[in-house]
Amino acid sequence: MFNDSLPTLEAKKSLSLALKLNIIEDLKQEISFTNISIKRHVSIQTIIDIFETYVSYDRRPFGDFLCMDEFKKLKHLKGKYAFVMFDPNAHKINDILEDRIQSTIDDC
């Protein structure tokens, strides 16, 4: 048994660099993880992993008003509930925190 080497595939990886780049381009659009996974024929978790590895974003500044809520979240985050901060005037999410623990909220 041997492994064939392909120039577009990293060692011990199952996704080509071209596929990862296409997924990152899709993530720039307003498309859900589910739709990207269907389009690219990979799992939703793969899309989430690529998002968390390669995408960075700045937190939006707080406006005059701030809405807060918590929701049951994905397994890979540390808390049971995530915490979302939303600017109702701009209709934009400011940030989503991994948990709703007071120290986490204070640190942001």
C-alpha atoms as a PDB file:
ATOM      1  CA  MET A   1       0.000   0.000   0.000  1.00  0.00           C
ATOM      2  CA  PHE A   2       1.217   3.512  -0.780  1.00  0.00           C
ATOM      3  CA  ASN A   3      -0.130   7.041  -0.795  1.00  0.00           C
ATOM      4  CA  ASP A   4      -0.053   8.918  -4.046  1.00  0.00           C
ATOM      5  CA  SER A   5       1.105  12.507  -3.703  1.00  0.00           C
ATOM      6  CA  LEU A   6      -1.007  15.188  -5.317  1.00  0.00           C
ATOM      7  CA  PRO A   7       0.277  18.750  -5.593  1.00  0.00           C
ATOM      8  CA  THR A   8      -3.049  20.262  -4.484  1.00  0.00           C
ATOM      9  CA  LEU A   9      -3.555  17.971  -1.471  1.00  0.00           C
ATOM     10  CA  GLU A  10      -1.701  18.554   1.793  1.00  0.00           C
ATOM     11  CA  ALA A  11      -0.157  15.543   3.533  1.00  0.00           C
ATOM     12  CA  LYS A  12      -2.655  13.571   5.652  1.00  0.00           C
ATOM     13  CA  LYS A  13      -5.520  15.853   4.582  1.00  0.00           C
ATOM     14  CA  SER A  14      -8.602  14.799   2.673  1.00  0.00           C
ATOM     15  CA  LEU A  15      -9.610  18.222   1.317  1.00  0.00           C
ATOM     16  CA  SER A  16      -7.723  19.881  -1.495  1.00  0.00           C
ATOM     17  CA  LEU A  17      -6.434  23.415  -1.120  1.00  0.00           C
ATOM     18  CA  ALA A  18      -8.695  24.472  -4.000  1.00  0.00           C
ATOM     19  CA  LEU A  19     -11.763  23.114  -2.175  1.00  0.00           C
ATOM     20  CA  LYS A  20     -10.799  24.951   1.028  1.00  0.00           C
ATOM     21  CA  LEU A  21     -10.357  28.186  -0.932  1.00  0.00           C
ATOM     22  CA  ASN A  22     -13.747  27.712  -2.587  1.00  0.00           C
ATOM     23  CA  ILE A  23     -15.354  27.155   0.814  1.00  0.00           C
ATOM     24  CA  ILE A  24     -13.690  30.303   2.177  1.00  0.00           C
ATOM     25  CA  GLU A  25     -15.025  32.268  -0.806  1.00  0.00           C
ATOM     26  CA  ASP A  26     -18.499  30.864  -0.096  1.00  0.00           C
ATOM     27  CA  LEU A  27     -18.173  31.922   3.553  1.00  0.00           C
ATOM     28  CA  LYS A  28     -17.687  35.529   2.420  1.00  0.00           C
ATOM     29  CA  GLN A  29     -21.205  35.467   0.983  1.00  0.00           C
ATOM     30  CA  GLU A  30     -24.370  35.405   3.069  1.00  0.00           C
ATOM     31  CA  ILE A  31     -24.831  31.645   2.660  1.00  0.00           C
ATOM     32  CA  SER A  32     -25.541  29.239   5.507  1.00  0.00           C
ATOM     33  CA  PHE A  33     -23.077  26.537   6.542  1.00  0.00           C
ATOM     34  CA  THR A  34     -25.685  23.962   5.506  1.00  0.00           C
ATOM     35  CA  ASN A  35     -26.002  25.345   1.982  1.00  0.00           C
ATOM     36  CA  ILE A  36     -22.225  25.500   1.564  1.00  0.00           C
ATOM     37  CA  SER A  37     -21.891  21.891   2.745  1.00  0.00           C
ATOM     38  CA  ILE A  38     -24.494  20.765   0.208  1.00  0.00           C
ATOM     39  CA  LYS A  39     -22.878  22.811  -2.569  1.00  0.00           C
ATOM     40  CA  ARG A  40     -19.348  21.519  -1.834  1.00  0.00           C
ATOM     41  CA  HIS A  41     -20.323  17.950  -0.817  1.00  0.00           C
ATOM     42  CA  VAL A  42     -18.686  18.070   2.617  1.00  0.00           C
ATOM     43  CA  SER A  43     -20.095  17.877   6.138  1.00  0.00           C
ATOM     44  CA  ILE A  44     -21.394  20.899   7.997  1.00  0.00           C
ATOM     45  CA  GLN A  45     -18.757  20.275  10.677  1.00  0.00           C
ATOM     46  CA  THR A  46     -16.043  20.561   8.006  1.00  0.00           C
ATOM     47  CA  ILE A  47     -17.439  23.965   7.008  1.00  0.00           C
ATOM     48  CA  ILE A  48     -17.512  25.065  10.664  1.00  0.00           C
ATOM     49  CA  ASP A  49     -13.925  23.856  11.191  1.00  0.00           C
ATOM     50  CA  ILE A  50     -12.698  25.774   8.130  1.00  0.00           C
ATOM     51  CA  PHE A  51     -14.592  28.863   9.289  1.00  0.00           C
ATOM     52  CA  GLU A  52     -13.056  28.726  12.766  1.00  0.00           C
ATOM     53  CA  THR A  53      -9.561  28.065  11.391  1.00  0.00           C
ATOM     54  CA  TYR A  54      -9.334  30.588   8.563  1.00  0.00           C
ATOM     55  CA  VAL A  55     -11.903  33.334   9.142  1.00  0.00           C
ATOM     56  CA  SER A  56     -11.318  36.206  11.534  1.00  0.00           C
ATOM     57  CA  TYR A  57     -13.542  39.177  12.106  1.00  0.00           C
ATOM     58  CA  ASP A  58     -13.626  42.303  14.229  1.00  0.00           C
ATOM     59  CA  ARG A  59     -16.286  42.927  16.826  1.00  0.00           C
ATOM     60  CA  ARG A  60     -18.687  45.703  15.876  1.00  0.00           C
ATOM     61  CA  PRO A  61     -18.761  48.704  18.219  1.00  0.00           C
ATOM     62  CA  PHE A  62     -21.723  48.909  20.567  1.00  0.00           C
ATOM     63  CA  GLY A  63     -24.482  51.356  19.597  1.00  0.00           C
ATOM     64  CA  ASP A  64     -26.924  53.241  21.804  1.00  0.00           C
ATOM     65  CA  PHE A  65     -28.905  50.074  22.482  1.00  0.00           C
ATOM     66  CA  LEU A  66     -27.815  46.497  22.939  1.00  0.00           C
ATOM     67  CA  CYS A  67     -30.035  43.420  22.899  1.00  0.00           C
ATOM     68  CA  MET A  68     -28.771  40.265  24.578  1.00  0.00           C
ATOM     69  CA  ASP A  69     -29.957  36.692  24.401  1.00  0.00           C
ATOM     70  CA  GLU A  70     -28.692  33.179  24.968  1.00  0.00           C
ATOM     71  CA  PHE A  71     -29.243  30.081  22.894  1.00  0.00           C
ATOM     72  CA  LYS A  72     -28.385  26.401  22.966  1.00  0.00           C
ATOM     73  CA  LYS A  73     -25.285  26.095  20.910  1.00  0.00           C
ATOM     74  CA  LEU A  74     -23.048  23.695  19.067  1.00  0.00           C
ATOM     75  CA  LYS A  75     -21.170  20.899  20.814  1.00  0.00           C
ATOM     76  CA  HIS A  76     -17.674  22.179  20.025  1.00  0.00           C
ATOM     77  CA  LEU A  77     -18.016  25.311  22.188  1.00  0.00           C
ATOM     78  CA  LYS A  78     -17.323  25.075  25.908  1.00  0.00           C
ATOM     79  CA  GLY A  79     -20.551  26.269  27.576  1.00  0.00           C
ATOM     80  CA  LYS A  80     -24.059  24.839  27.369  1.00  0.00           C
ATOM     81  CA  TYR A  81     -25.522  28.114  26.104  1.00  0.00           C
ATOM     82  CA  ALA A  82     -23.922  30.745  23.851  1.00  0.00           C
ATOM     83  CA  PHE A  83     -24.490  34.454  24.437  1.00  0.00           C
ATOM     84  CA  VAL A  84     -25.332  36.816  21.573  1.00  0.00           C
ATOM     85  CA  MET A  85     -25.164  40.630  21.564  1.00  0.00           C
ATOM     86  CA  PHE A  86     -27.226  42.411  18.903  1.00  0.00           C
ATOM     87  CA  ASP A  87     -27.513  46.071  17.836  1.00  0.00           C
ATOM     88  CA  PRO A  88     -31.233  46.610  17.107  1.00  0.00           C
ATOM     89  CA  ASN A  89     -30.697  49.928  15.308  1.00  0.00           C
ATOM     90  CA  ALA A  90     -28.129  48.590  12.837  1.00  0.00           C
ATOM     91  CA  HIS A  91     -29.763  45.126  12.656  1.00  0.00           C
ATOM     92  CA  LYS A  92     -26.316  43.542  13.134  1.00  0.00           C
ATOM     93  CA  ILE A  93     -24.842  41.031  15.551  1.00  0.00           C
ATOM     94  CA  ASN A  94     -22.039  42.583  17.626  1.00  0.00           C
ATOM     95  CA  ASP A  95     -20.619  39.343  18.973  1.00  0.00           C
ATOM     96  CA  ILE A  96     -21.394  35.772  19.974  1.00  0.00           C
ATOM     97  CA  LEU A  97     -19.655  34.534  23.110  1.00  0.00           C
ATOM     98  CA  GLU A  98     -18.974  30.864  23.827  1.00  0.00           C
ATOM     99  CA  ASP A  99     -20.872  30.887  27.100  1.00  0.00           C
ATOM    100  CA  ARG A 100     -23.036  33.079  29.288  1.00  0.00           C
ATOM    101  CA  ILE A 101     -20.740  33.073  32.333  1.00  0.00           C
ATOM    102  CA  GLN A 102     -20.384  36.532  33.883  1.00  0.00           C
ATOM    103  CA  SER A 103     -16.566  36.557  33.629  1.00  0.00           C
ATOM    104  CA  THR A 104     -16.749  35.816  29.883  1.00  0.00           C
ATOM    105  CA  ILE A 105     -19.232  38.643  29.357  1.00  0.00           C
ATOM    106  CA  ASP A 106     -17.133  41.050  31.465  1.00  0.00           C
ATOM    107  CA  ASP A 107     -13.994  40.242  29.430  1.00  0.00           C
ATOM    108  CA  CYS A 108     -15.566  41.346  26.162  1.00  0.00           C
END
